[in-house]
Amino acid sequence: MNKKAAQNSFRNIVRKIHLVLGFSTGIVVFIVAMTGCCWVFQEEIQSWSRDYRQVSEENKPLITPSEAKQIAENVYPGRSIHGVLYGNSREAVEVIFYQENPKFYRAVFLNPYNGEIIKTEDYLSGFFAFVLDGHLNLWLPESIGSKIVSWSTLIFVIMLLTGIVLWWPRNKQGRKQRFRFDWKSTTQWKRKNYDLHTVIGFYASFIAVIIAFTGLVMAFDWFGKAAYQAFGGDKPLTFTIPDHKPLYVPDTTGTPPIDRLLPILKTEFPQARQFEIHYPYTDSASIYVEISYEEGIHYSSDYRYYDQYTLMELEATSLYGIYENTDLADKMILMNYDTHIGAILGLPGKILVFFISLQIASLPITGFMIWWGRKNKARKSKKNRKAPAVQLNLESAKERTSWVTSSKAD
């Protein structure tokens, strides 16, 4: 087998792999990409549509975490409170309820000055909850849908690699054609569709690989751990809240320590955008606080932990700690979600991810149309090959009839 024949054989194998993988995951890729488009701007859209989160500023002290908890517990008695979120002086206080089994994820918004209940919200219902469920689970039970999405994402990475192999031009003339659309008035739709699949697929693949990679970090624990260790990470990836109980527990009949913590945080971190304070869930668990500094950015947040009795700050036991103390591997994991949705580059990054996701969603469609066009072409070619044989048989039959007739006449 010569070199050219070997290359053709290799490309045919790659083409078959690309085709089989495309058929097996095409619908999943389309759904995940389209729902990803919708999810990218969910924070911006929700901030515009939820004006009830804004309140009039008053010259009064804010309600304390203990007061906010007591008021919210009356709304959803018996439910587990995850934490309370304090924004700026013109934002409502948000008390967050969350429990895994049975699934419960809701919020109660309070006036930060008088504790009045402004609104309740169910985070498991509504448009964006529907979008997220489709993106993560294909609207199937989580135990089934999440596995399909995870493995389809891994297969999609393989498809990107095989697609680049198929895209790779064999000669200089082909190279020019693969980088741009060279359409004329006479260009047929099949050619245009092929160019849409290959040219768009090539340019989209650079960002698509990053989107898929960051998705795999969230989808598979083993993948996230391998990526983290490859960059030199050596801390536990599982989020843990340090336990601590002092030998001497001070008198707690006065102001609860958690209520004294908020003024301390505001003084110590005046540049902070939000404070999310989480109530201790055991008598030894620390109070953990997530401090955000930028709107719509998560990776640069600080995770700080305080003894629930003395408010002594405790050291983090996982990579979720003070951001400025993290190394390269830690930053890679912390930046993963913001990278996945493009927020790492601000609004331009989100716009980029939005359009790349649209292009990814188009690939299964244009790929199917290429296959369908080739299938129909093969059928027509087969018919055309059979037609001369039929014509030949008819002519032979006429000749035999003519010969027989002639013979009888003679």
Protein backbone atom coordinates (compact mmCIF):
# COMPACT_ATOMS: atom_id res chain seq x y z
CA MET A 1 0.00 0.00 0.00
CA ASN A 2 1.50 3.34 -1.05
CA LYS A 3 1.52 6.48 1.07
CA LYS A 4 -1.51 8.06 -0.60
CA ALA A 5 -3.58 4.90 -0.23
CA ALA A 6 -2.62 4.66 3.45
CA GLN A 7 -3.68 8.27 4.02
CA ASN A 8 -7.02 7.66 2.31
CA SER A 9 -7.57 4.54 4.40
CA PHE A 10 -6.79 6.47 7.60
CA ARG A 11 -9.14 9.30 6.65
CA ASN A 12 -11.91 6.82 5.89
CA ILE A 13 -11.52 5.26 9.33
CA VAL A 14 -11.56 8.69 10.97
CA ARG A 15 -14.61 9.66 8.90
CA LYS A 16 -16.49 6.57 10.07
CA ILE A 17 -15.58 7.28 13.71
CA HIS A 18 -16.70 10.88 13.30
CA LEU A 19 -19.98 9.76 11.71
CA VAL A 20 -20.80 7.13 14.33
CA LEU A 21 -20.00 9.46 17.23
CA GLY A 22 -22.01 12.24 15.58
CA PHE A 23 -25.07 10.04 15.26
CA SER A 24 -24.78 8.83 18.85
CA THR A 25 -24.44 12.28 20.44
CA GLY A 26 -25.83 14.75 17.90
CA ILE A 27 -29.12 15.43 19.68
CA VAL A 28 -27.36 15.71 23.05
CA VAL A 29 -24.79 18.17 21.68
CA PHE A 30 -27.56 20.26 20.13
CA ILE A 31 -29.58 20.44 23.38
CA VAL A 32 -26.56 21.13 25.61
CA ALA A 33 -25.26 23.83 23.26
CA MET A 34 -28.63 25.59 22.89
CA THR A 35 -29.37 25.54 26.61
CA GLY A 36 -25.82 26.78 27.19
CA CYS A 37 -26.60 29.79 24.99
CA CYS A 38 -29.62 30.58 27.12
CA TRP A 39 -27.76 30.13 30.41
CA VAL A 40 -24.78 32.39 29.60
CA PHE A 41 -26.67 35.62 30.31
CA GLN A 42 -28.98 34.37 33.05
CA GLU A 43 -27.43 36.59 35.75
CA GLU A 44 -27.79 39.73 33.62
CA ILE A 45 -31.36 38.91 32.59
CA GLN A 46 -32.41 38.09 36.13
CA SER A 47 -30.89 41.28 37.48
CA TRP A 48 -33.02 43.27 35.01
CA SER A 49 -36.22 41.34 35.61
CA ARG A 50 -36.09 41.12 39.40
CA ASP A 51 -36.51 44.70 40.48
CA TYR A 52 -37.90 43.54 43.81
CA ARG A 53 -34.33 42.94 44.90
CA GLN A 54 -33.81 46.68 45.04
CA VAL A 55 -34.95 48.65 48.12
CA SER A 56 -34.81 52.25 49.28
CA GLU A 57 -31.78 53.03 51.40
CA GLU A 58 -32.55 54.04 54.99
CA ASN A 59 -30.46 55.43 57.79
CA LYS A 60 -31.02 52.39 60.00
CA PRO A 61 -28.98 49.36 61.03
CA LEU A 62 -29.43 46.20 58.98
CA ILE A 63 -31.30 43.22 60.35
CA THR A 64 -28.90 40.63 61.77
CA PRO A 65 -28.33 37.12 60.39
CA SER A 66 -30.18 35.68 63.39
CA GLU A 67 -33.20 37.93 62.78
CA ALA A 68 -33.20 37.13 59.06
CA LYS A 69 -33.07 33.41 59.85
CA GLN A 70 -35.95 33.61 62.32
CA ILE A 71 -38.19 35.50 59.90
CA ALA A 72 -37.44 33.16 56.98
CA GLU A 73 -37.97 30.01 59.05
CA ASN A 74 -41.56 31.09 59.57
CA VAL A 75 -42.03 31.05 55.79
CA TYR A 76 -40.61 27.54 55.29
CA PRO A 77 -40.68 25.83 58.68
CA GLY A 78 -38.63 22.68 58.98
CA ARG A 79 -36.53 23.44 55.92
CA SER A 80 -32.74 23.72 55.99
CA ILE A 81 -31.32 27.24 55.64
CA HIS A 82 -28.13 27.36 53.61
CA GLY A 83 -27.14 30.95 54.35
CA VAL A 84 -27.99 34.63 54.17
CA LEU A 85 -26.75 37.02 51.48
CA TYR A 86 -26.02 40.70 52.17
CA GLY A 87 -25.37 43.03 49.23
CA ASN A 88 -25.07 46.79 49.21
CA SER A 89 -27.31 49.16 51.18
CA ARG A 90 -29.94 49.22 48.39
CA GLU A 91 -30.32 45.46 48.02
CA ALA A 92 -32.72 43.10 49.75
CA VAL A 93 -31.34 40.52 52.14
CA GLU A 94 -31.67 37.04 50.64
CA VAL A 95 -32.13 34.03 52.92
CA ILE A 96 -31.31 30.87 50.96
CA PHE A 97 -32.90 27.49 51.68
CA TYR A 98 -31.26 24.40 50.23
CA GLN A 99 -31.42 20.69 50.86
CA GLU A 100 -30.46 17.80 48.61
CA ASN A 101 -33.00 15.14 49.51
CA PRO A 102 -35.78 15.87 48.93
CA LYS A 103 -34.60 18.62 46.60
CA PHE A 104 -35.51 22.05 47.96
CA TYR A 105 -33.95 25.30 46.74
CA ARG A 106 -35.77 28.54 47.53
CA ALA A 107 -35.10 32.06 48.75
CA VAL A 108 -36.87 34.61 50.91
CA PHE A 109 -36.11 38.27 50.16
CA LEU A 110 -36.34 40.64 53.12
CA ASN A 111 -36.19 44.37 53.56
CA PRO A 112 -32.74 44.81 55.16
CA TYR A 113 -33.97 47.56 57.50
CA ASN A 114 -37.26 46.26 58.92
CA GLY A 115 -37.28 42.55 57.99
CA GLU A 116 -40.44 42.81 55.91
CA ILE A 117 -40.88 39.87 53.51
CA ILE A 118 -40.64 41.25 49.97
CA LYS A 119 -40.90 38.07 47.92
CA THR A 120 -40.17 34.35 47.89
CA GLU A 121 -38.61 32.56 44.94
CA ASP A 122 -38.36 28.92 43.88
CA TYR A 123 -35.02 28.34 42.14
CA LEU A 124 -36.18 24.93 40.91
CA SER A 125 -38.93 26.36 38.72
CA GLY A 126 -39.13 28.96 35.96
CA PHE A 127 -37.39 29.42 32.63
CA PHE A 128 -33.76 29.28 33.76
CA ALA A 129 -34.39 26.29 36.02
CA PHE A 130 -35.84 24.56 32.94
CA VAL A 131 -32.80 25.58 30.87
CA LEU A 132 -30.31 24.37 33.49
CA ASP A 133 -32.11 21.04 33.87
CA GLY A 134 -31.88 20.54 30.11
CA HIS A 135 -28.21 21.53 30.07
CA LEU A 136 -27.26 19.18 32.90
CA ASN A 137 -29.78 16.35 32.61
CA LEU A 138 -31.62 16.64 29.25
CA TRP A 139 -34.83 16.95 31.33
CA LEU A 140 -34.39 13.32 32.34
CA PRO A 141 -33.95 11.97 35.89
CA GLU A 142 -30.61 13.26 37.15
CA SER A 143 -29.16 9.76 37.64
CA ILE A 144 -29.67 9.06 33.92
CA GLY A 145 -29.47 12.45 32.20
CA SER A 146 -26.29 13.66 33.90
CA LYS A 147 -24.41 10.53 32.82
CA ILE A 148 -25.58 10.91 29.21
CA VAL A 149 -24.49 14.56 29.15
CA SER A 150 -21.14 13.81 30.79
CA TRP A 151 -20.14 11.01 28.44
CA SER A 152 -21.52 12.86 25.41
CA THR A 153 -19.28 15.81 26.31
CA LEU A 154 -16.27 13.49 26.40
CA ILE A 155 -17.29 12.02 23.03
CA PHE A 156 -17.73 15.54 21.68
CA VAL A 157 -14.06 16.27 22.41
CA ILE A 158 -13.11 13.19 20.37
CA MET A 159 -15.40 14.44 17.60
CA LEU A 160 -13.61 17.79 17.59
CA LEU A 161 -10.27 16.03 17.16
CA THR A 162 -11.53 13.76 14.37
CA GLY A 163 -13.21 16.76 12.76
CA ILE A 164 -9.90 18.63 12.63
CA VAL A 165 -8.27 15.58 11.00
CA LEU A 166 -11.01 15.50 8.35
CA TRP A 167 -10.79 19.26 7.90
CA TRP A 168 -7.04 19.20 7.38
CA PRO A 169 -6.47 19.97 3.67
CA ARG A 170 -4.46 17.60 1.49
CA ASN A 171 -2.95 20.30 -0.69
CA LYS A 172 -2.39 24.05 -0.93
CA GLN A 173 -5.50 24.64 -3.02
CA GLY A 174 -7.66 22.86 -0.49
CA ARG A 175 -6.08 24.86 2.32
CA LYS A 176 -7.36 28.11 0.85
CA GLN A 177 -10.87 26.74 0.57
CA ARG A 178 -11.03 25.46 4.16
CA PHE A 179 -10.33 28.81 5.81
CA ARG A 180 -13.13 30.86 4.28
CA PHE A 181 -16.44 30.76 2.46
CA ASP A 182 -15.82 30.98 -1.29
CA TRP A 183 -19.41 31.12 -2.47
CA LYS A 184 -20.65 32.24 -5.87
CA SER A 185 -24.10 32.64 -7.34
CA THR A 186 -23.71 29.16 -8.82
CA THR A 187 -22.63 27.48 -5.57
CA GLN A 188 -25.13 24.76 -4.66
CA TRP A 189 -26.65 24.42 -1.20
CA LYS A 190 -24.80 21.15 -0.57
CA ARG A 191 -21.49 22.93 -0.99
CA LYS A 192 -22.61 25.79 1.23
CA ASN A 193 -23.77 23.36 3.90
CA TYR A 194 -20.44 21.52 3.73
CA ASP A 195 -18.55 24.79 4.13
CA LEU A 196 -20.74 25.79 7.07
CA HIS A 197 -19.88 22.53 8.80
CA THR A 198 -16.15 22.56 8.10
CA VAL A 199 -15.23 26.26 8.23
CA ILE A 200 -17.42 27.09 11.22
CA GLY A 201 -16.42 23.83 12.89
CA PHE A 202 -12.73 24.65 12.50
CA TYR A 203 -12.91 28.15 13.96
CA ALA A 204 -15.36 27.16 16.71
CA SER A 205 -13.24 24.17 17.74
CA PHE A 206 -10.63 26.33 19.52
CA ILE A 207 -13.17 27.74 22.00
CA ALA A 208 -15.35 24.62 21.93
CA VAL A 209 -12.46 22.56 23.32
CA ILE A 210 -12.17 24.96 26.28
CA ILE A 211 -15.94 24.89 26.90
CA ALA A 212 -15.96 21.08 26.73
CA PHE A 213 -12.86 20.76 28.92
CA THR A 214 -14.30 22.95 31.68
CA GLY A 215 -17.56 21.00 31.39
CA LEU A 216 -15.68 17.74 31.91
CA VAL A 217 -13.97 19.15 35.02
CA MET A 218 -17.44 19.66 36.52
CA ALA A 219 -18.90 16.44 35.11
CA PHE A 220 -16.30 13.89 36.25
CA ASP A 221 -14.55 13.96 39.61
CA TRP A 222 -11.70 11.87 38.19
CA PHE A 223 -11.23 14.29 35.30
CA GLY A 224 -11.21 17.35 37.56
CA LYS A 225 -8.75 15.67 39.92
CA ALA A 226 -6.46 14.63 37.05
CA ALA A 227 -6.49 18.14 35.55
CA TYR A 228 -5.82 19.69 38.98
CA GLN A 229 -2.91 17.35 39.72
CA ALA A 230 -1.49 17.88 36.22
CA PHE A 231 -1.04 21.56 37.13
CA GLY A 232 0.63 20.61 40.41
CA GLY A 233 -2.37 20.82 42.73
CA ASP A 234 -2.18 18.88 45.99
CA LYS A 235 -5.19 20.06 48.03
CA PRO A 236 -8.54 18.28 48.50
CA LEU A 237 -11.00 19.28 45.78
CA THR A 238 -14.01 18.54 47.95
CA PHE A 239 -15.38 21.64 49.64
CA THR A 240 -15.02 21.24 53.41
CA ILE A 241 -15.92 23.49 56.31
CA PRO A 242 -13.39 23.22 59.12
CA ASP A 243 -14.61 22.08 62.54
CA HIS A 244 -13.45 23.86 65.66
CA LYS A 245 -14.70 23.96 69.22
CA PRO A 246 -12.69 25.91 71.81
CA LEU A 247 -11.89 24.34 75.16
CA TYR A 248 -13.70 27.20 76.84
CA VAL A 249 -17.05 28.26 75.37
CA PRO A 250 -17.76 31.90 76.26
CA ASP A 251 -21.09 33.15 77.54
CA THR A 252 -23.58 33.32 74.64
CA THR A 253 -26.48 35.04 76.41
CA GLY A 254 -25.67 38.36 74.77
CA THR A 255 -25.49 39.21 71.08
CA PRO A 256 -24.86 36.00 69.09
CA PRO A 257 -21.34 35.91 67.59
CA ILE A 258 -22.72 35.47 64.07
CA ASP A 259 -24.54 38.81 64.44
CA ARG A 260 -21.33 40.53 65.52
CA LEU A 261 -19.53 39.11 62.49
CA LEU A 262 -21.27 41.18 59.78
CA PRO A 263 -20.07 44.62 61.05
CA ILE A 264 -16.56 43.19 61.38
CA LEU A 265 -16.65 41.94 57.78
CA LYS A 266 -17.91 45.25 56.45
CA THR A 267 -15.11 47.08 58.25
CA GLU A 268 -12.38 44.64 57.25
CA PHE A 269 -13.47 44.25 53.60
CA PRO A 270 -14.97 47.60 52.50
CA GLN A 271 -14.36 46.76 48.83
CA ALA A 272 -16.51 43.61 48.98
CA ARG A 273 -19.57 43.33 46.73
CA GLN A 274 -21.49 40.71 48.76
CA PHE A 275 -21.21 38.69 51.94
CA GLU A 276 -22.84 35.27 52.00
CA ILE A 277 -22.87 34.09 55.61
CA HIS A 278 -23.58 30.41 56.27
CA TYR A 279 -24.98 29.26 59.57
CA PRO A 280 -23.10 26.48 61.41
CA TYR A 281 -24.88 23.16 60.98
CA THR A 282 -23.34 21.51 64.06
CA ASP A 283 -22.07 22.76 67.43
CA SER A 284 -18.48 22.40 66.20
CA ALA A 285 -18.77 23.62 62.61
CA SER A 286 -17.34 27.02 61.78
CA ILE A 287 -19.24 29.94 60.26
CA TYR A 288 -18.19 30.07 56.65
CA VAL A 289 -18.43 33.30 54.68
CA GLU A 290 -18.12 33.74 50.93
CA ILE A 291 -16.94 37.25 50.09
CA SER A 292 -17.51 38.36 46.47
CA TYR A 293 -15.75 41.37 45.01
CA GLU A 294 -17.03 41.58 41.43
CA GLU A 295 -20.52 41.42 39.92
CA GLY A 296 -20.99 38.17 38.01
CA ILE A 297 -17.49 36.88 38.82
CA HIS A 298 -17.08 33.90 41.15
CA TYR A 299 -13.46 32.76 40.95
CA SER A 300 -11.96 35.72 42.86
CA SER A 301 -14.20 35.25 45.91
CA ASP A 302 -12.67 34.63 49.32
CA TYR A 303 -13.84 31.73 51.48
CA ARG A 304 -13.22 32.54 55.12
CA TYR A 305 -14.06 30.49 58.20
CA TYR A 306 -14.73 31.69 61.75
CA ASP A 307 -15.17 29.86 65.02
CA GLN A 308 -18.87 30.11 65.84
CA TYR A 309 -18.16 30.98 69.49
CA THR A 310 -15.09 33.22 69.42
CA LEU A 311 -15.07 34.43 65.77
CA MET A 312 -11.42 33.42 65.56
CA GLU A 313 -10.55 32.98 61.88
CA LEU A 314 -9.66 29.42 60.94
CA GLU A 315 -7.45 28.07 58.19
CA ALA A 316 -9.09 26.55 55.11
CA THR A 317 -8.82 22.76 54.79
CA SER A 318 -9.35 22.66 51.01
CA LEU A 319 -8.48 24.85 48.03
CA TYR A 320 -11.51 27.02 48.83
CA GLY A 321 -9.83 29.64 50.95
CA ILE A 322 -8.39 33.13 50.52
CA TYR A 323 -7.98 33.76 46.80
CA GLU A 324 -4.68 35.64 46.98
CA ASN A 325 -3.14 32.60 48.71
CA THR A 326 -4.02 30.19 45.90
CA ASP A 327 -1.53 28.81 43.38
CA LEU A 328 -1.89 28.17 39.64
CA ALA A 329 -3.62 24.80 40.01
CA ASP A 330 -6.07 26.22 42.57
CA LYS A 331 -6.89 29.14 40.28
CA MET A 332 -7.56 26.77 37.38
CA ILE A 333 -10.26 24.99 39.37
CA LEU A 334 -11.68 28.19 40.88
CA MET A 335 -11.87 29.80 37.43
CA ASN A 336 -13.45 26.75 35.83
CA TYR A 337 -17.11 27.84 35.96
CA ASP A 338 -16.37 31.44 34.96
CA THR A 339 -14.31 30.11 32.05
CA HIS A 340 -17.10 27.73 31.04
CA ILE A 341 -19.63 30.56 30.62
CA GLY A 342 -17.11 33.15 29.37
CA ALA A 343 -17.39 35.39 32.45
CA ILE A 344 -13.62 35.17 32.88
CA LEU A 345 -13.38 37.78 30.09
CA GLY A 346 -16.36 39.82 31.25
CA LEU A 347 -19.24 40.65 28.92
CA PRO A 348 -17.16 40.16 25.72
CA GLY A 349 -16.31 36.64 26.91
CA LYS A 350 -19.96 35.81 27.49
CA ILE A 351 -20.88 37.11 24.04
CA LEU A 352 -18.12 34.97 22.53
CA VAL A 353 -19.31 31.82 24.33
CA PHE A 354 -22.89 32.59 23.30
CA PHE A 355 -22.03 32.64 19.59
CA ILE A 356 -19.64 29.68 19.80
CA SER A 357 -22.40 27.67 21.51
CA LEU A 358 -24.75 28.57 18.67
CA GLN A 359 -22.15 27.37 16.18
CA ILE A 360 -21.68 24.14 18.13
CA ALA A 361 -25.44 23.59 18.04
CA SER A 362 -25.38 23.97 14.24
CA LEU A 363 -22.71 21.26 13.73
CA PRO A 364 -24.99 18.22 14.28
CA ILE A 365 -27.52 19.74 11.84
CA THR A 366 -25.07 20.53 9.05
CA GLY A 367 -23.28 17.23 9.66
CA PHE A 368 -26.52 15.29 9.27
CA MET A 369 -27.30 17.16 6.06
CA ILE A 370 -23.87 16.25 4.65
CA TRP A 371 -24.51 12.58 5.43
CA TRP A 372 -28.02 12.74 3.98
CA GLY A 373 -26.78 14.41 0.79
CA ARG A 374 -24.07 11.79 0.29
CA LYS A 375 -26.55 9.00 0.97
CA ASN A 376 -28.94 10.32 -1.67
CA LYS A 377 -26.06 10.81 -4.09
CA ALA A 378 -25.01 7.19 -3.55
CA ARG A 379 -28.58 6.02 -4.24
CA LYS A 380 -28.75 8.02 -7.47
CA SER A 381 -25.36 6.71 -8.58
CA LYS A 382 -26.53 3.17 -7.90
CA LYS A 383 -29.67 3.73 -10.01
CA ASN A 384 -27.65 5.25 -12.81
CA ARG A 385 -25.31 2.24 -12.82
CA LYS A 386 -28.26 -0.12 -13.08
CA ALA A 387 -30.00 1.79 -15.90
CA PRO A 388 -27.54 0.86 -18.71
CA ALA A 389 -27.78 -2.80 -17.74
CA VAL A 390 -31.58 -2.69 -18.02
CA GLN A 391 -31.28 -0.90 -21.36
CA LEU A 392 -28.78 -3.50 -22.51
CA ASN A 393 -31.11 -6.32 -21.53
CA LEU A 394 -33.98 -4.72 -23.46
CA GLU A 395 -31.83 -4.31 -26.51
CA SER A 396 -30.68 -7.92 -26.23
CA ALA A 397 -34.28 -9.06 -25.94
CA LYS A 398 -35.20 -7.09 -29.07
CA GLU A 399 -32.28 -8.61 -30.93
CA ARG A 400 -33.33 -12.13 -29.90
CA THR A 401 -36.94 -11.45 -30.94
CA SER A 402 -35.75 -10.05 -34.23
CA TRP A 403 -33.51 -13.06 -34.77
CA VAL A 404 -36.32 -15.51 -33.99
CA THR A 405 -38.72 -13.67 -36.29
CA SER A 406 -36.13 -13.58 -39.03
CA SER A 407 -35.42 -17.26 -38.60
CA LYS A 408 -39.11 -18.18 -38.94
CA ALA A 409 -39.45 -16.01 -42.01
CA ASP A 410 -36.52 -17.75 -43.59
